[in-house]
Structures are given as structure tokens and as C-alpha cells.
């Protein structure tokens, strides 16, 4: 589940989640862009926390979103761990705080209610990162559907997104797209 723009939309989605009870629910809160620009009316965040967040098997906030949800500043992986714990206390079952370019080394932190797992992978210097959060949360949902545990689904998904960034086509002059098909079609 990605951007939910209003409390009415959030309530409608929560109603259907309660009705259909899907096996795995991954929620990307899409509150702030990775550069910190707001994408959701801050007045809607309370509705997100109350109505949708409790359904999340995995919640995937980026650093600006995690800072807002945890009510703290994040500068280090240790801060990410504390933020994940605070967000977890709001009712989701796993929290993946995505470091992206905000934290050196492309570190993400997964908290499962007991343990913080750091997922580190090479950081690629590129502007081809448009849609990385959406791609990651979709990949996590796909890997959960394939039967992987949450930590394994996150690890496999982060590797896939890194490959998609590494093989990005380099389109446009700003933040360009990933190559979602990098593992299917050769570049030749």
C-alpha cells in the first residue's frame, strides 16, 4: 500500500483490509519525499497511524517519515534503531526505516519487536532513484508472498532495488527511473 492522501481514503482501505484479511500487508507511508518535501497533509498523519498502520506487517518509512512518526531527529544508524522502536510501539508488526541517501552506506534498519537488523549494501552514486521506496515495498510484499520470512524478504528486496539502481537507464535530467527489468532482460 502506497500513498493514501486523505483520512477518508485511509478509512476505506482499512475497511477493506479488515474485510479481506490479506496474508501480508506492506505499507509505505509516503508522507515525505526522500528529500524531506511533504507529500501528505500533516493533519492526515493521525488518521494514518490510527486506521492503517495497525494492519502493517511491515511499515517502510524513509528517514523524514520516520523522524516525523518517531518525533525525533535521525542522523545515525543508532537513531534509526530508536526511531524504529518508537514507530513499532504505534502498532505495526515490523518497521523498516530506510536510510537511502540520508544515511551513509545505504543502511536500512528492520525492527521486528525484539531485534534490530541492519541491512547494509553498497551505496551507488546516482540520480536514478525515482520510485525506490515504492519498488522496495512492492518487492518486500512479493517476497513475503513467495514464503520468505520478513528479514529475508527485506534483504532480497534491497538487493533487487540495488540491482535496479545499478542498471538504471539514465533517463532524464533529474531524478530518473530504476531498471525494474534488470534481472529479466539483458542490457545487450
Protein backbone atom coordinates (compact mmCIF):
# COMPACT_ATOMS: atom_id res chain seq x y z
CA UNK A 1 0.00 0.00 0.00
CA UNK A 2 1.41 3.35 -1.02
CA UNK A 3 0.18 6.90 -0.78
CA UNK A 4 -3.15 7.38 0.92
CA UNK A 5 -3.93 11.06 0.54
CA UNK A 6 -6.84 11.65 2.91
CA UNK A 7 -8.40 10.24 6.08
CA UNK A 8 -11.43 9.14 4.03
CA UNK A 9 -9.19 7.13 1.70
CA UNK A 10 -7.35 5.64 4.69
CA UNK A 11 -10.62 4.57 6.31
CA UNK A 12 -11.81 2.97 3.06
CA UNK A 13 -8.56 1.00 2.70
CA UNK A 14 -8.60 -0.05 6.37
CA UNK A 15 -12.19 -1.25 5.95
CA UNK A 16 -11.25 -3.47 3.01
CA UNK A 17 -8.15 -4.78 4.81
CA UNK A 18 -10.37 -5.75 7.74
CA UNK A 19 -12.88 -7.35 5.39
CA UNK A 20 -10.46 -9.36 3.20
CA UNK A 21 -7.69 -10.02 5.75
CA UNK A 22 -4.79 -10.39 3.27
CA UNK A 23 -1.93 -12.60 4.43
CA UNK A 24 0.77 -9.94 4.05
CA UNK A 25 0.42 -6.17 4.17
CA UNK A 26 3.37 -3.89 3.44
CA UNK A 27 2.71 -0.19 3.88
CA UNK A 28 4.91 2.58 2.52
CA UNK A 29 3.54 5.64 4.34
CA UNK A 30 4.51 8.12 1.55
CA UNK A 31 4.35 11.15 3.84
CA UNK A 32 7.57 12.88 2.80
CA UNK A 33 9.82 12.60 -0.24
CA UNK A 34 13.32 11.34 0.48
CA UNK A 35 14.50 14.98 0.36
CA UNK A 36 12.00 15.86 3.11
CA UNK A 37 9.38 17.63 0.98
CA UNK A 38 5.85 16.92 2.30
CA UNK A 39 3.64 14.65 0.18
CA UNK A 40 0.78 14.31 2.69
CA UNK A 41 -1.15 16.90 4.64
CA UNK A 42 0.31 16.64 8.16
CA UNK A 43 -3.25 16.75 9.52
CA UNK A 44 -3.82 13.33 7.90
CA UNK A 45 -0.96 11.59 9.72
CA UNK A 46 -3.06 10.87 12.82
CA UNK A 47 -5.59 9.04 10.67
CA UNK A 48 -2.78 7.04 9.04
CA UNK A 49 -1.47 5.98 12.46
CA UNK A 50 -4.92 5.16 13.85
CA UNK A 51 -6.57 3.45 10.87
CA UNK A 52 -3.94 1.94 8.56
CA UNK A 53 -0.69 1.45 10.46
CA UNK A 54 -2.05 -1.35 12.73
CA UNK A 55 -2.58 -3.52 9.63
CA UNK A 56 1.09 -3.34 8.60
CA UNK A 57 3.11 -6.50 8.69
CA UNK A 58 5.93 -4.24 7.50
CA UNK A 59 5.92 -0.43 7.57
CA UNK A 60 8.63 1.17 5.40
CA UNK A 61 9.19 4.84 6.30
CA UNK A 62 12.12 6.77 4.85
CA UNK A 63 14.19 8.92 7.23
CA UNK A 64 12.00 12.07 7.00
CA UNK A 65 8.86 9.94 7.59
CA UNK A 66 10.49 8.05 10.46
CA UNK A 67 11.59 11.33 12.06
CA UNK A 68 8.00 12.56 11.97
CA UNK A 69 6.43 9.29 13.17
CA UNK A 70 9.01 8.83 15.95
CA UNK A 71 9.16 12.52 16.87
CA UNK A 72 12.94 12.60 16.83
CA UNK A 73 15.87 13.56 14.64
CA UNK A 74 17.71 10.78 12.80
CA UNK A 75 21.40 11.17 11.96
CA UNK A 76 22.91 7.73 12.61
CA UNK A 77 22.00 4.05 12.33
CA UNK A 78 21.57 4.06 16.12
CA UNK A 79 18.99 6.84 15.74
CA UNK A 80 17.26 4.73 13.07
CA UNK A 81 17.04 1.85 15.56
CA UNK A 82 15.48 4.07 18.23
CA UNK A 83 13.02 5.52 15.70
CA UNK A 84 12.05 2.01 14.56
CA UNK A 85 11.34 1.03 18.17
CA UNK A 86 9.18 4.12 18.71
CA UNK A 87 7.24 3.55 15.50
CA UNK A 88 6.77 -0.14 16.29
CA UNK A 89 5.10 0.91 19.54
CA UNK A 90 2.35 2.54 17.45
CA UNK A 91 1.07 -0.88 16.39
CA UNK A 92 2.73 -2.35 13.28
CA UNK A 93 4.49 -5.74 13.43
CA UNK A 94 7.79 -4.79 11.74
CA UNK A 95 9.34 -1.42 10.90
CA UNK A 96 11.93 -0.90 8.17
CA UNK A 97 13.49 2.56 8.44
CA UNK A 98 15.05 3.25 5.04
CA UNK A 99 18.29 5.23 5.19
CA UNK A 100 18.78 5.79 1.47
CA UNK A 101 21.00 8.77 0.76
CA UNK A 102 20.19 10.24 4.19
CA UNK A 103 22.47 7.76 6.00
CA UNK A 104 25.98 6.94 4.75
CA UNK A 105 26.35 3.39 3.44
CA UNK A 106 22.72 2.89 2.35
CA UNK A 107 21.86 1.42 5.76
CA UNK A 108 18.29 0.32 6.46
CA UNK A 109 17.12 -0.84 9.89
CA UNK A 110 14.47 -3.51 10.40
CA UNK A 111 12.93 -3.84 13.85
CA UNK A 112 10.73 -6.89 14.49
CA UNK A 113 9.71 -6.10 18.05
CA UNK A 114 12.75 -7.78 19.56
CA UNK A 115 15.79 -7.31 17.36
CA UNK A 116 17.13 -4.53 15.15
CA UNK A 117 18.60 -5.89 11.94
CA UNK A 118 20.86 -3.63 9.91
CA UNK A 119 20.74 -4.22 6.18
CA UNK A 120 23.74 -2.64 4.50
CA UNK A 121 24.56 -2.76 0.83
CA UNK A 122 26.71 -0.71 -1.49
CA UNK A 123 25.59 2.87 -1.94
CA UNK A 124 25.51 3.86 -5.60
CA UNK A 125 26.19 7.48 -6.51
CA UNK A 126 23.38 8.17 -9.00
CA UNK A 127 20.33 10.30 -9.62
CA UNK A 128 18.39 7.27 -10.91
CA UNK A 129 16.44 6.71 -7.72
CA UNK A 130 12.89 7.77 -8.60
CA UNK A 131 10.49 5.20 -7.15
CA UNK A 132 12.96 3.30 -4.99
CA UNK A 133 10.67 3.31 -1.94
CA UNK A 134 7.65 2.09 -3.88
CA UNK A 135 9.76 -0.54 -5.60
CA UNK A 136 11.23 -1.74 -2.31
CA UNK A 137 7.87 -2.08 -0.55
CA UNK A 138 6.39 -3.89 -3.57
CA UNK A 139 9.36 -6.24 -3.69
CA UNK A 140 9.03 -6.97 0.04
CA UNK A 141 5.34 -7.81 -0.44
CA UNK A 142 6.24 -10.08 -3.38
CA UNK A 143 8.93 -11.88 -1.40
CA UNK A 144 6.58 -12.36 1.55
CA UNK A 145 4.02 -13.83 -0.85
CA UNK A 146 6.71 -16.26 -2.03
CA UNK A 147 7.04 -17.51 1.55
CA UNK A 148 10.18 -15.71 2.73
CA UNK A 149 10.45 -14.50 6.33
CA UNK A 150 10.32 -10.74 6.86
CA UNK A 151 14.12 -10.35 7.33
CA UNK A 152 14.84 -12.47 4.24
CA UNK A 153 12.16 -10.67 2.19
CA UNK A 154 13.71 -7.32 3.13
CA UNK A 155 17.24 -8.49 2.31
CA UNK A 156 16.24 -9.94 -1.07
CA UNK A 157 14.22 -6.85 -1.91
CA UNK A 158 17.04 -4.45 -1.04
CA UNK A 159 19.39 -6.48 -3.27
CA UNK A 160 16.85 -6.27 -6.12
CA UNK A 161 16.41 -2.50 -5.75
CA UNK A 162 20.19 -2.03 -5.69
CA UNK A 163 20.45 -4.02 -8.95
CA UNK A 164 17.64 -1.91 -10.45
CA UNK A 165 19.53 1.28 -9.49
CA UNK A 166 22.85 -0.10 -10.74
CA UNK A 167 21.32 -0.90 -14.15
CA UNK A 168 19.15 2.22 -14.43
CA UNK A 169 18.83 3.57 -17.99
CA UNK A 170 19.97 7.09 -17.04
CA UNK A 171 16.91 8.83 -18.48
CA UNK A 172 16.03 12.47 -17.89
CA UNK A 173 17.89 15.31 -16.28
CA UNK A 174 16.66 14.95 -12.70
CA UNK A 175 15.78 12.00 -10.52
CA UNK A 176 15.45 9.23 -13.12
CA UNK A 177 13.82 5.80 -13.01
CA UNK A 178 15.21 2.42 -11.99
CA UNK A 179 15.51 -0.54 -14.33
CA UNK A 180 12.84 -2.81 -12.88
CA UNK A 181 13.55 -5.43 -15.57
CA UNK A 182 17.30 -5.67 -14.96
CA UNK A 183 17.03 -9.30 -13.87
CA UNK A 184 14.80 -10.31 -16.76
CA UNK A 185 16.27 -8.68 -19.85
CA UNK A 186 19.98 -8.37 -20.59
CA UNK A 187 21.33 -4.91 -21.39
CA UNK A 188 22.85 -6.05 -24.68
